[in-house]
C-alpha cells in the first residue's frame, strides 16, 4: 500500500449547508469554497494562527460544532504540523480540562464565547477561530514554512508521530486518550477511499459531529478524494436532509439512531426521498446496526445501509460496499481480522468469538495519566474486545462488545442477545445486573415510543430467545439516551432505570 499523498486539492469544494434551502432549490454558492478559494482561505488561516504563536509540534485542543470555519481551522492546524486534540464542544468543562491536562495541550482553539476562560490554559493561548484576524504577510514571524511545489499542505502532518489524540467513547468506562500517527491515518483513509470508490464528483453529506473519529474521518476522505463536502446542520435533521437533497448528496454517513430519525423525516416529507435518489453510499457506523432498521431503510429508500466496523484505535477495519452490502463487509485490503475462542484458538466460519485485528492503521498507543505514551506492539494481533464472526466468504459480522455474563450455568453475551431480540421489531438493550443466586439477572429494555406494556413485549421477545436467555425483567422506554456521538448510553440508561452502574 503506497502512502503517496494526492496533490493539492485544486478541485475540492467545501459547501456551507447550514442555511435552509428555499423552495426546495439549491441555495446560491456564496457559502462555497472551491479549489483556489479554499486554498487561499486555508493559507490565510494558517498564517493567522502562526502569527499568534502556534508552531509545528504544539499540541492543540480544538473545540467547536460543525461549520466551514471549523473545517478550515482544522486543516490550517494540520498545515502547521500541530498535534490535534479534537473534543466535543458539548463536553463538560471539568472533563475537557482533564483531557487537556492529560494530553499536555499548549493551545486551545475554540468557537466558544471569547469571555469564557478554560482551566489550565492561559488566556493568551486561547484562540477564538471564528474571529481570527489575518496577520500582515510582511511580518517575518507570521508566515508558516512555505510549501514545496506540488506538495500537499498536509504532507508534514501525515508524517507526524502524534498527529491526532482522540478519545474513546467512554461507554464501557472512563474515556481513553488514543494517539494516532499521521501515516496510520493516511493509510486507512486511502484504503477506505479505494474500497468505497469515492470520486471527485461525489458530494459527502455527513450527519455526524466532526469532533469524533467517524466525522473527522469523513473530512480526511473528502480532502484526499478531492470531492465536495457539505457541512450540514446535522443536529436539525429536517434541515440537514433538505440540504443533502438540495445539493445532490451522493454519500451520507450517520449513526443508527440518526437513520431511525431520517426515516421519520422521509415519511413526513415524501418529496425528500426523490431528492435523495442520487445517494449511492448510505454509510452507518458507531454502534451495531439493528436488523429491523436495516430492513426498514432498504424498503423505504430502495438502497441498503452499508454497515462498517472500525475503532478509534484502528480506523476502519471492514466496510460493506455497494457491490458487497452484507454484514460489515470484508476487511479492507491489507487489514487482517480473525475471530478467536476463549482458549485462543481460531474460531470456525460463522462461530462467535473475540475479534482481533492487524492493521497499518493501528494507533501508536494510549496516553498514560502523566501524558506519556503507553505504546502498543505494532506487530501483534490487537484484541478489540468486540464479539463477532467471519463467514466462509470472508464477510465480517459484529455483534458488539465481548462482555460475557454467567447465568444459570450458561455463558451469555448481552449484545448478542440484543441483536436477536431486535427481531421483535424494536431496538433492545440488555443490561446485566449481578444476582447472587442466578449469577446475573437480565433486564431487557425495549425502545417503544407507542408504549406497549412490558408483558406484551415479554411475549414478543420470548419467541426469539432460548429458555435460559429469557428476561428476568422487561422495561419499556420511549427512546434510549445517547452519547454525544449517537451511541446508546448504557450507563445513563442504567441510571434512568435505577439499576446502578
Protein backbone atom coordinates (compact mmCIF):
# COMPACT_ATOMS: atom_id res chain seq x y z
CA UNK A 1 0.00 0.00 0.00
CA UNK A 2 1.59 3.25 -1.09
CA UNK A 3 1.44 6.26 1.18
CA UNK A 4 1.66 8.73 -1.68
CA UNK A 5 -0.43 11.80 -0.97
CA UNK A 6 -2.62 13.31 -3.63
CA UNK A 7 -1.52 16.69 -4.99
CA UNK A 8 -3.05 19.86 -3.51
CA UNK A 9 -6.81 19.67 -3.69
CA UNK A 10 -7.48 22.08 -6.54
CA UNK A 11 -10.90 20.54 -7.21
CA UNK A 12 -12.05 20.17 -3.60
CA UNK A 13 -15.23 22.03 -2.71
CA UNK A 14 -16.44 22.96 0.75
CA UNK A 15 -20.10 23.99 0.96
CA UNK A 16 -21.92 25.67 3.83
CA UNK A 17 -25.23 23.84 4.13
CA UNK A 18 -26.28 25.38 7.43
CA UNK A 19 -28.84 27.65 5.73
CA UNK A 20 -32.21 26.08 4.96
CA UNK A 21 -32.82 25.88 1.18
CA UNK A 22 -35.75 27.93 -0.05
CA UNK A 23 -38.44 26.43 -2.25
CA UNK A 24 -36.62 23.11 -2.50
CA UNK A 25 -33.96 24.57 -4.82
CA UNK A 26 -30.23 24.64 -4.15
CA UNK A 27 -29.03 27.83 -2.47
CA UNK A 28 -26.53 30.04 -4.26
CA UNK A 29 -22.83 29.36 -3.99
CA UNK A 30 -21.97 32.24 -1.65
CA UNK A 31 -21.31 29.71 1.09
CA UNK A 32 -18.98 27.58 -1.04
CA UNK A 33 -15.19 27.47 -1.17
CA UNK A 34 -13.90 25.98 -4.42
CA UNK A 35 -10.34 24.94 -5.24
CA UNK A 36 -8.20 28.10 -5.30
CA UNK A 37 -10.55 29.99 -2.96
CA UNK A 38 -10.30 27.14 -0.46
CA UNK A 39 -6.52 27.13 -0.82
CA UNK A 40 -6.33 30.88 -0.15
CA UNK A 41 -8.62 30.63 2.87
CA UNK A 42 -6.57 27.76 4.26
CA UNK A 43 -3.29 29.62 3.76
CA UNK A 44 -4.65 32.81 5.36
CA UNK A 45 -5.98 30.90 8.38
CA UNK A 46 -2.69 29.06 8.83
CA UNK A 47 -0.85 32.36 8.64
CA UNK A 48 -3.11 33.95 11.24
CA UNK A 49 -2.66 31.03 13.64
CA UNK A 50 1.09 31.06 13.08
CA UNK A 51 1.14 34.78 13.74
CA UNK A 52 -0.46 34.18 17.13
CA UNK A 53 2.39 31.85 18.04
CA UNK A 54 1.18 28.34 17.15
CA UNK A 55 4.08 26.27 15.86
CA UNK A 56 4.83 22.81 14.48
CA UNK A 57 4.73 20.19 17.23
CA UNK A 58 2.44 22.19 19.53
CA UNK A 59 -0.42 20.13 20.90
CA UNK A 60 -3.68 21.96 20.25
CA UNK A 61 -7.09 21.20 21.72
CA UNK A 62 -9.86 22.08 19.24
CA UNK A 63 -13.50 22.56 20.24
CA UNK A 64 -16.42 23.66 18.11
CA UNK A 65 -19.54 22.49 16.31
CA UNK A 66 -19.61 21.64 12.62
CA UNK A 67 -19.07 24.65 10.37
CA UNK A 68 -16.92 25.76 7.45
CA UNK A 69 -14.80 27.72 9.95
CA UNK A 70 -14.20 24.54 11.95
CA UNK A 71 -13.12 22.54 8.89
CA UNK A 72 -10.80 25.28 7.60
CA UNK A 73 -9.27 25.82 11.05
CA UNK A 74 -8.67 22.10 11.49
CA UNK A 75 -6.95 21.90 8.10
CA UNK A 76 -4.89 25.02 8.88
CA UNK A 77 -3.65 23.44 12.11
CA UNK A 78 -2.71 20.34 10.14
CA UNK A 79 -0.93 22.62 7.63
CA UNK A 80 1.08 23.97 10.59
CA UNK A 81 2.05 20.39 11.58
CA UNK A 82 0.48 20.53 15.04
CA UNK A 83 -0.71 17.63 17.16
CA UNK A 84 -4.52 17.86 17.25
CA UNK A 85 -6.79 17.01 20.18
CA UNK A 86 -10.41 17.38 18.93
CA UNK A 87 -13.01 17.40 21.71
CA UNK A 88 -16.78 17.58 21.55
CA UNK A 89 -17.86 21.15 22.26
CA UNK A 90 -20.68 19.82 24.48
CA UNK A 91 -18.26 18.14 26.87
CA UNK A 92 -18.42 19.42 30.44
CA UNK A 93 -15.76 21.97 31.44
CA UNK A 94 -14.35 19.55 34.00
CA UNK A 95 -13.98 16.68 31.52
CA UNK A 96 -12.48 18.96 28.87
CA UNK A 97 -9.97 20.37 31.36
CA UNK A 98 -8.99 16.85 32.46
CA UNK A 99 -8.40 15.85 28.83
CA UNK A 100 -6.32 18.98 28.25
CA UNK A 101 -4.14 18.24 31.27
CA UNK A 102 -3.59 14.61 30.35
CA UNK A 103 -2.77 15.46 26.73
CA UNK A 104 -0.49 18.32 27.81
CA UNK A 105 -2.09 20.74 25.40
CA UNK A 106 -0.35 24.02 24.74
CA UNK A 107 -3.19 25.82 22.99
CA UNK A 108 -6.99 25.87 22.92
CA UNK A 109 -8.63 26.78 19.62
CA UNK A 110 -12.35 27.23 20.18
CA UNK A 111 -15.56 28.73 18.86
CA UNK A 112 -16.76 29.49 22.40
CA UNK A 113 -17.60 32.95 23.65
CA UNK A 114 -14.35 34.94 23.92
CA UNK A 115 -15.21 35.81 27.54
CA UNK A 116 -15.12 32.15 28.51
CA UNK A 117 -11.88 31.01 30.16
CA UNK A 118 -10.53 27.48 30.27
CA UNK A 119 -8.87 25.81 33.28
CA UNK A 120 -5.20 25.08 32.73
CA UNK A 121 -4.79 27.10 29.52
CA UNK A 122 -3.70 30.73 29.94
CA UNK A 123 -5.85 33.31 28.21
CA UNK A 124 -3.11 34.30 25.76
CA UNK A 125 -3.10 30.71 24.44
CA UNK A 126 -6.85 30.61 23.79
CA UNK A 127 -7.70 31.32 20.16
CA UNK A 128 -11.28 32.03 19.07
CA UNK A 129 -11.16 30.83 15.49
CA UNK A 130 -14.31 32.38 14.03
CA UNK A 131 -12.76 35.79 14.85
CA UNK A 132 -9.21 35.23 13.59
CA UNK A 133 -7.57 38.40 12.32
CA UNK A 134 -5.12 37.87 9.44
CA UNK A 135 -1.58 38.97 10.20
CA UNK A 136 0.18 41.05 7.52
CA UNK A 137 2.23 38.76 5.28
CA UNK A 138 5.22 41.08 5.62
CA UNK A 139 5.59 40.17 9.29
CA UNK A 140 8.57 37.85 9.48
CA UNK A 141 7.15 35.87 12.38
CA UNK A 142 3.71 35.35 10.83
CA UNK A 143 4.43 33.15 7.84
CA UNK A 144 4.45 29.35 8.17
CA UNK A 145 7.07 27.42 6.28
CA UNK A 146 6.49 27.61 2.51
CA UNK A 147 5.28 24.53 0.67
CA UNK A 148 7.38 22.80 -1.95
CA UNK A 149 5.96 22.94 -5.47
CA UNK A 150 3.24 20.31 -5.84
CA UNK A 151 3.25 19.43 -2.13
CA UNK A 152 0.06 18.71 -0.27
CA UNK A 153 -0.49 21.19 2.61
CA UNK A 154 -0.97 18.25 4.98
CA UNK A 155 2.18 16.42 3.91
CA UNK A 156 4.17 17.11 7.11
CA UNK A 157 1.17 16.38 9.33
CA UNK A 158 0.72 12.95 7.76
CA UNK A 159 4.28 12.17 8.88
CA UNK A 160 3.72 13.31 12.48
CA UNK A 161 4.01 10.57 15.14
CA UNK A 162 1.22 12.13 17.25
CA UNK A 163 -0.93 13.71 14.55
CA UNK A 164 -4.15 13.05 16.50
CA UNK A 165 -5.10 12.45 20.09
CA UNK A 166 -8.66 11.10 20.06
CA UNK A 167 -10.81 9.89 22.93
CA UNK A 168 -12.71 6.65 23.25
CA UNK A 169 -16.46 6.91 23.70
CA UNK A 170 -16.38 6.03 27.39
CA UNK A 171 -19.46 3.79 27.09
CA UNK A 172 -17.67 0.99 28.98
CA UNK A 173 -15.51 3.07 31.30
CA UNK A 174 -13.51 6.26 31.51
CA UNK A 175 -12.57 7.64 28.05
CA UNK A 176 -9.01 6.84 27.00
CA UNK A 177 -6.67 9.09 25.06
CA UNK A 178 -5.68 7.39 21.80
CA UNK A 179 -2.58 8.63 19.96
CA UNK A 180 -2.71 8.20 16.17
CA UNK A 181 0.33 8.71 13.92
CA UNK A 182 -0.30 10.56 10.69
CA UNK A 183 0.91 7.70 8.50
CA UNK A 184 -1.72 5.39 10.04
CA UNK A 185 -4.47 7.96 9.45
CA UNK A 186 -3.38 8.48 5.86
CA UNK A 187 -3.06 4.77 5.10
CA UNK A 188 -6.51 4.00 6.48
CA UNK A 189 -8.10 6.91 4.63
CA UNK A 190 -6.62 5.84 1.28
CA UNK A 191 -7.70 2.23 1.77
CA UNK A 192 -11.23 3.43 2.61
CA UNK A 193 -11.42 5.63 -0.50
CA UNK A 194 -10.42 2.72 -2.70
CA UNK A 195 -12.81 0.28 -1.02
CA UNK A 196 -15.80 2.62 -1.25
CA UNK A 197 -14.95 4.02 -4.67
CA UNK A 198 -15.15 7.70 -3.70
CA UNK A 199 -14.72 10.01 -6.73
CA UNK A 200 -14.08 13.67 -7.43
CA UNK A 201 -17.77 14.16 -8.37
CA UNK A 202 -19.04 12.83 -5.03
CA UNK A 203 -20.88 15.09 -2.58
CA UNK A 204 -20.31 13.92 1.00
CA UNK A 205 -23.03 14.93 3.46
CA UNK A 206 -22.12 13.53 6.90
CA UNK A 207 -24.75 13.77 9.64
CA UNK A 208 -22.07 13.45 12.31
CA UNK A 209 -20.06 15.67 14.66
CA UNK A 210 -16.65 16.37 13.15
CA UNK A 211 -15.01 16.24 16.58
CA UNK A 212 -15.41 12.44 16.79
CA UNK A 213 -13.50 9.73 14.93
CA UNK A 214 -16.25 8.98 12.39
CA UNK A 215 -16.96 12.58 11.42
CA UNK A 216 -13.28 13.51 11.37
CA UNK A 217 -12.56 10.59 9.05
CA UNK A 218 -15.08 11.97 6.54
CA UNK A 219 -13.20 15.30 6.45
CA UNK A 220 -9.99 13.45 5.55
CA UNK A 221 -11.77 11.29 2.95
CA UNK A 222 -13.10 14.46 1.33
CA UNK A 223 -9.69 16.12 1.33
CA UNK A 224 -7.91 13.15 -0.21
CA UNK A 225 -10.66 12.25 -2.70
CA UNK A 226 -10.85 15.89 -3.95
CA UNK A 227 -14.64 15.98 -3.96
CA UNK A 228 -17.33 18.12 -2.28
CA UNK A 229 -18.01 18.25 1.46
CA UNK A 230 -21.40 19.60 2.51
CA UNK A 231 -21.43 20.91 6.08
CA UNK A 232 -24.96 20.19 7.26
CA UNK A 233 -26.87 21.33 10.36
CA UNK A 234 -26.78 17.69 11.48
CA UNK A 235 -28.47 18.42 14.81
CA UNK A 236 -31.54 19.74 12.93
CA UNK A 237 -32.23 16.68 10.85
CA UNK A 238 -35.12 18.07 8.78
CA UNK A 239 -32.91 20.93 7.61
CA UNK A 240 -29.85 18.69 7.14
CA UNK A 241 -31.76 16.20 4.99
CA UNK A 242 -33.18 19.05 2.94
CA UNK A 243 -29.70 20.40 2.34
CA UNK A 244 -28.39 16.97 1.35
CA UNK A 245 -31.19 16.68 -1.21
CA UNK A 246 -30.75 20.24 -2.50
CA UNK A 247 -27.01 19.81 -3.07
CA UNK A 248 -27.25 16.39 -4.72
CA UNK A 249 -25.56 14.36 -1.99
CA UNK A 250 -24.08 11.06 -3.18
CA UNK A 251 -22.72 9.77 0.16
CA UNK A 252 -24.30 10.13 3.60
CA UNK A 253 -22.83 8.87 6.87
CA UNK A 254 -24.62 8.67 10.21
CA UNK A 255 -25.17 6.60 13.33
CA UNK A 256 -28.10 4.13 13.50
CA UNK A 257 -30.07 6.46 15.78
CA UNK A 258 -29.90 9.19 13.12
CA UNK A 259 -31.22 6.84 10.44
CA UNK A 260 -34.20 5.99 12.66
CA UNK A 261 -34.99 9.71 12.69
CA UNK A 262 -34.25 10.14 8.98
CA UNK A 263 -36.88 7.56 8.09
CA UNK A 264 -39.33 9.62 10.12
CA UNK A 265 -38.41 12.73 8.11
CA UNK A 266 -38.94 10.87 4.82
CA UNK A 267 -42.35 9.59 5.96
CA UNK A 268 -43.45 13.11 6.90
CA UNK A 269 -41.99 14.67 3.77
CA UNK A 270 -42.16 12.11 0.93
CA UNK A 271 -40.73 14.62 -1.54
CA UNK A 272 -37.36 14.39 0.25
CA UNK A 273 -36.93 10.80 -0.89
CA UNK A 274 -36.79 11.86 -4.54
CA UNK A 275 -34.17 14.46 -3.69
CA UNK A 276 -32.01 11.77 -2.11
CA UNK A 277 -32.27 9.36 -5.03
CA UNK A 278 -28.69 10.16 -6.06
CA UNK A 279 -27.19 8.88 -2.80
CA UNK A 280 -25.22 5.74 -3.70
CA UNK A 281 -23.49 5.29 -0.32
CA UNK A 282 -25.56 5.27 2.86
CA UNK A 283 -22.84 4.61 5.44
CA UNK A 284 -23.67 3.65 9.00
CA UNK A 285 -21.39 3.09 11.97
CA UNK A 286 -20.63 3.99 15.56
CA UNK A 287 -22.98 1.36 17.00
CA UNK A 288 -24.39 -2.03 15.96
CA UNK A 289 -26.99 -1.79 13.20
CA UNK A 290 -30.36 -3.24 14.31
CA UNK A 291 -31.82 -5.64 11.77
CA UNK A 292 -35.30 -4.01 11.79
CA UNK A 293 -33.73 -0.64 10.94
CA UNK A 294 -31.70 -2.16 8.10
CA UNK A 295 -34.82 -3.79 6.64
CA UNK A 296 -37.00 -0.72 7.05
CA UNK A 297 -34.39 1.51 5.43
CA UNK A 298 -33.94 -0.72 2.40
CA UNK A 299 -37.73 -0.95 1.94
CA UNK A 300 -38.24 2.82 2.28
CA UNK A 301 -35.20 4.17 0.44
CA UNK A 302 -34.55 1.39 -2.08
CA UNK A 303 -30.88 1.06 -1.10
CA UNK A 304 -29.14 -0.72 1.78
CA UNK A 305 -27.44 0.83 4.73
CA UNK A 306 -23.75 -0.01 4.34
CA UNK A 307 -22.51 -1.06 7.74
CA UNK A 308 -18.91 -0.69 8.76
CA UNK A 309 -16.69 -1.92 11.54
CA UNK A 310 -13.94 0.22 12.97
CA UNK A 311 -12.41 1.50 16.16
CA UNK A 312 -10.75 4.77 17.06
CA UNK A 313 -7.63 2.71 17.82
CA UNK A 314 -7.58 1.19 14.30
CA UNK A 315 -9.67 3.35 11.99
CA UNK A 316 -11.86 1.45 9.53
CA UNK A 317 -11.39 -2.32 9.65
CA UNK A 318 -14.14 -3.75 7.43
CA UNK A 319 -16.70 -2.00 5.25
CA UNK A 320 -19.80 -3.10 3.41
CA UNK A 321 -19.75 -1.61 -0.08
CA UNK A 322 -22.37 -1.03 -2.79
CA UNK A 323 -21.07 -4.19 -4.51
CA UNK A 324 -20.98 -6.25 -1.29
CA UNK A 325 -23.58 -4.82 1.10
CA UNK A 326 -23.82 -7.71 3.58
CA UNK A 327 -22.86 -7.59 7.26
CA UNK A 328 -19.91 -5.27 7.83
CA UNK A 329 -18.41 -6.31 4.51
CA UNK A 330 -14.91 -7.71 4.21
CA UNK A 331 -11.73 -6.37 5.82
CA UNK A 332 -10.02 -3.58 3.92
CA UNK A 333 -7.18 -4.77 1.68
CA UNK A 334 -4.06 -5.15 3.80
CA UNK A 335 -6.08 -5.42 7.02
CA UNK A 336 -6.20 -8.85 8.68
CA UNK A 337 -9.01 -9.93 11.02
CA UNK A 338 -9.52 -13.15 12.93
CA UNK A 339 -12.05 -14.45 15.44
CA UNK A 340 -10.73 -16.43 18.42
CA UNK A 341 -12.30 -18.63 21.05
CA UNK A 342 -11.68 -18.02 24.78
CA UNK A 343 -8.83 -20.56 24.66
CA UNK A 344 -7.07 -18.56 21.92
CA UNK A 345 -7.76 -20.95 19.04
CA UNK A 346 -9.18 -19.59 15.80
CA UNK A 347 -12.97 -19.91 15.53
CA UNK A 348 -14.68 -21.75 12.69
CA UNK A 349 -16.52 -19.78 9.96
CA UNK A 350 -19.69 -18.29 11.42
CA UNK A 351 -18.67 -19.05 15.02
CA UNK A 352 -18.88 -16.19 17.52
CA UNK A 353 -15.69 -15.16 19.28
CA UNK A 354 -13.41 -12.29 20.13
CA UNK A 355 -12.24 -10.13 17.22
CA UNK A 356 -8.53 -9.46 16.78
CA UNK A 357 -7.01 -7.25 14.07
CA UNK A 358 -3.67 -6.46 12.49
CA UNK A 359 -3.70 -3.22 10.52
CA UNK A 360 -1.37 -0.47 9.28
CA UNK A 361 -3.96 1.91 10.76
CA UNK A 362 -3.15 0.89 14.35
CA UNK A 363 -2.67 3.65 16.91
CA UNK A 364 0.73 4.39 18.44
CA UNK A 365 -0.73 3.74 21.90
CA UNK A 366 -2.74 5.16 24.79
CA UNK A 367 -1.97 8.25 26.81
CA UNK A 368 -0.87 7.46 30.35
CA UNK A 369 -2.15 9.58 33.21
CA UNK A 370 1.03 11.67 33.12
CA UNK A 371 0.61 12.36 29.40
CA UNK A 372 3.34 9.99 28.24
CA UNK A 373 2.68 7.34 25.60
CA UNK A 374 1.94 3.74 26.52
CA UNK A 375 2.91 2.12 23.19
CA UNK A 376 1.27 -0.94 21.69
CA UNK A 377 3.04 -3.73 19.83
CA UNK A 378 2.71 -2.88 16.15
CA UNK A 379 3.45 -6.47 15.12
CA UNK A 380 0.93 -8.22 17.40
CA UNK A 381 -2.74 -9.00 16.93
CA UNK A 382 -4.77 -6.19 18.53
CA UNK A 383 -7.59 -7.53 20.77
CA UNK A 384 -10.60 -5.32 20.09
CA UNK A 385 -12.80 -6.58 22.96
CA UNK A 386 -15.58 -6.96 20.37
CA UNK A 387 -17.63 -10.07 19.65
CA UNK A 388 -18.30 -11.22 16.12
CA UNK A 389 -17.83 -13.81 13.41
CA UNK A 390 -16.44 -14.21 9.90
CA UNK A 391 -18.45 -16.12 7.31
CA UNK A 392 -16.87 -18.63 4.95
CA UNK A 393 -16.81 -15.94 2.23
CA UNK A 394 -14.93 -13.50 4.50
CA UNK A 395 -17.89 -11.31 5.46
CA UNK A 396 -17.48 -9.83 8.93
CA UNK A 397 -20.43 -9.70 11.30
CA UNK A 398 -20.07 -7.77 14.56
CA UNK A 399 -22.39 -8.31 17.50
CA UNK A 400 -20.98 -5.80 19.97
CA UNK A 401 -18.71 -5.75 22.98
CA UNK A 402 -17.28 -9.07 24.10
CA UNK A 403 -18.71 -8.85 27.62
CA UNK A 404 -19.78 -12.27 28.79
CA UNK A 405 -22.10 -12.76 31.77
CA UNK A 406 -22.84 -16.01 33.55
CA UNK A 407 -26.40 -17.04 34.28
CA UNK A 408 -27.84 -20.35 35.44
CA UNK A 409 -24.64 -22.10 34.35
CA UNK A 410 -24.66 -20.58 30.84
CA UNK A 411 -22.26 -18.02 29.38
CA UNK A 412 -24.25 -15.31 27.60
CA UNK A 413 -23.33 -12.19 25.65
CA UNK A 414 -25.81 -9.32 26.22
CA UNK A 415 -25.15 -7.64 22.87
CA UNK A 416 -25.62 -10.93 21.04
CA UNK A 417 -28.97 -11.27 22.78
CA UNK A 418 -29.83 -7.72 21.70
CA UNK A 419 -29.24 -8.48 18.01
CA UNK A 420 -31.58 -11.49 18.17
CA UNK A 421 -34.15 -9.77 20.37
CA UNK A 422 -34.43 -6.93 17.84
CA UNK A 423 -36.30 -9.37 15.60
CA UNK A 424 -39.28 -8.24 17.70
CA UNK A 425 -39.26 -5.05 15.65
CA UNK A 426 -37.88 -2.53 18.14
CA UNK A 427 -34.40 -1.58 19.41
CA UNK A 428 -33.48 -3.57 22.53
CA UNK A 429 -30.78 -3.14 25.17
CA UNK A 430 -29.90 -5.95 27.58
CA UNK A 431 -28.49 -4.86 30.93
CA UNK A 432 -26.97 -7.47 33.21
CA UNK A 433 -27.33 -6.95 36.96
CA UNK A 434 -25.42 -9.06 39.47
CA UNK A 435 -27.60 -11.65 41.16
CA UNK A 436 -26.10 -13.88 43.88
CA UNK A 437 -28.46 -16.78 43.15
CA UNK A 438 -28.55 -16.72 39.32
CA UNK A 439 -25.16 -15.14 38.64
CA UNK A 440 -26.76 -12.36 36.57
CA UNK A 441 -30.27 -11.07 36.13
CA UNK A 442 -31.08 -9.85 32.63
CA UNK A 443 -33.06 -6.64 32.22
CA UNK A 444 -34.35 -6.23 28.66
CA UNK A 445 -35.15 -2.61 27.72
CA UNK A 446 -37.34 -2.01 24.66
CA UNK A 447 -37.43 1.40 22.98
CA UNK A 448 -41.11 1.74 22.06
CA UNK A 449 -42.50 5.27 21.57
CA UNK A 450 -46.01 3.75 21.41
CA UNK A 451 -45.61 2.47 24.96
CA UNK A 452 -46.91 -1.10 24.76
CA UNK A 453 -46.93 -2.87 28.12
CA UNK A 454 -43.86 -4.78 29.36
CA UNK A 455 -45.90 -8.01 29.44
CA UNK A 456 -46.75 -7.56 25.75
CA UNK A 457 -43.08 -7.17 24.91
CA UNK A 458 -42.10 -10.13 27.08
CA UNK A 459 -44.35 -12.32 24.94
CA UNK A 460 -42.92 -10.92 21.71
CA UNK A 461 -39.34 -11.37 22.89
CA UNK A 462 -39.89 -14.93 24.09
CA UNK A 463 -40.19 -16.43 20.60
CA UNK A 464 -36.70 -15.20 19.65
CA UNK A 465 -34.83 -16.47 22.71
CA UNK A 466 -33.95 -19.80 24.28
CA UNK A 467 -35.47 -20.63 27.66
CA UNK A 468 -32.27 -19.84 29.55
CA UNK A 469 -31.99 -16.47 27.73
CA UNK A 470 -35.43 -15.15 28.72
CA UNK A 471 -35.53 -11.77 30.50
CA UNK A 472 -35.91 -11.51 34.25
CA UNK A 473 -37.42 -8.06 33.83
CA UNK A 474 -38.69 -6.12 30.80
CA UNK A 475 -38.67 -2.32 30.77
CA UNK A 476 -40.25 -0.09 28.13
CA UNK A 477 -38.92 3.42 27.38
CA UNK A 478 -39.73 5.96 24.68
CA UNK A 479 -36.13 6.02 23.45
CA UNK A 480 -32.62 5.26 24.61
CA UNK A 481 -30.40 8.04 25.92
CA UNK A 482 -27.50 8.63 23.54
CA UNK A 483 -23.87 9.61 23.90
CA UNK A 484 -22.56 12.66 22.03
CA UNK A 485 -21.64 10.50 19.02
CA UNK A 486 -25.01 8.78 18.76
CA UNK A 487 -24.42 5.51 20.62
CA UNK A 488 -26.98 4.21 23.14
CA UNK A 489 -25.68 5.30 26.55
CA UNK A 490 -25.89 2.18 28.73
CA UNK A 491 -24.69 3.96 31.86
CA UNK A 492 -27.33 6.68 31.51
CA UNK A 493 -29.98 4.03 30.83
CA UNK A 494 -28.99 2.12 33.97
CA UNK A 495 -29.25 5.31 35.98
CA UNK A 496 -32.64 6.10 34.40
CA UNK A 497 -33.95 2.66 35.45
CA UNK A 498 -32.27 2.68 38.86
CA UNK A 499 -30.10 -0.34 38.07
CA UNK A 500 -26.79 1.03 39.32
CA UNK A 501 -23.50 1.02 37.42
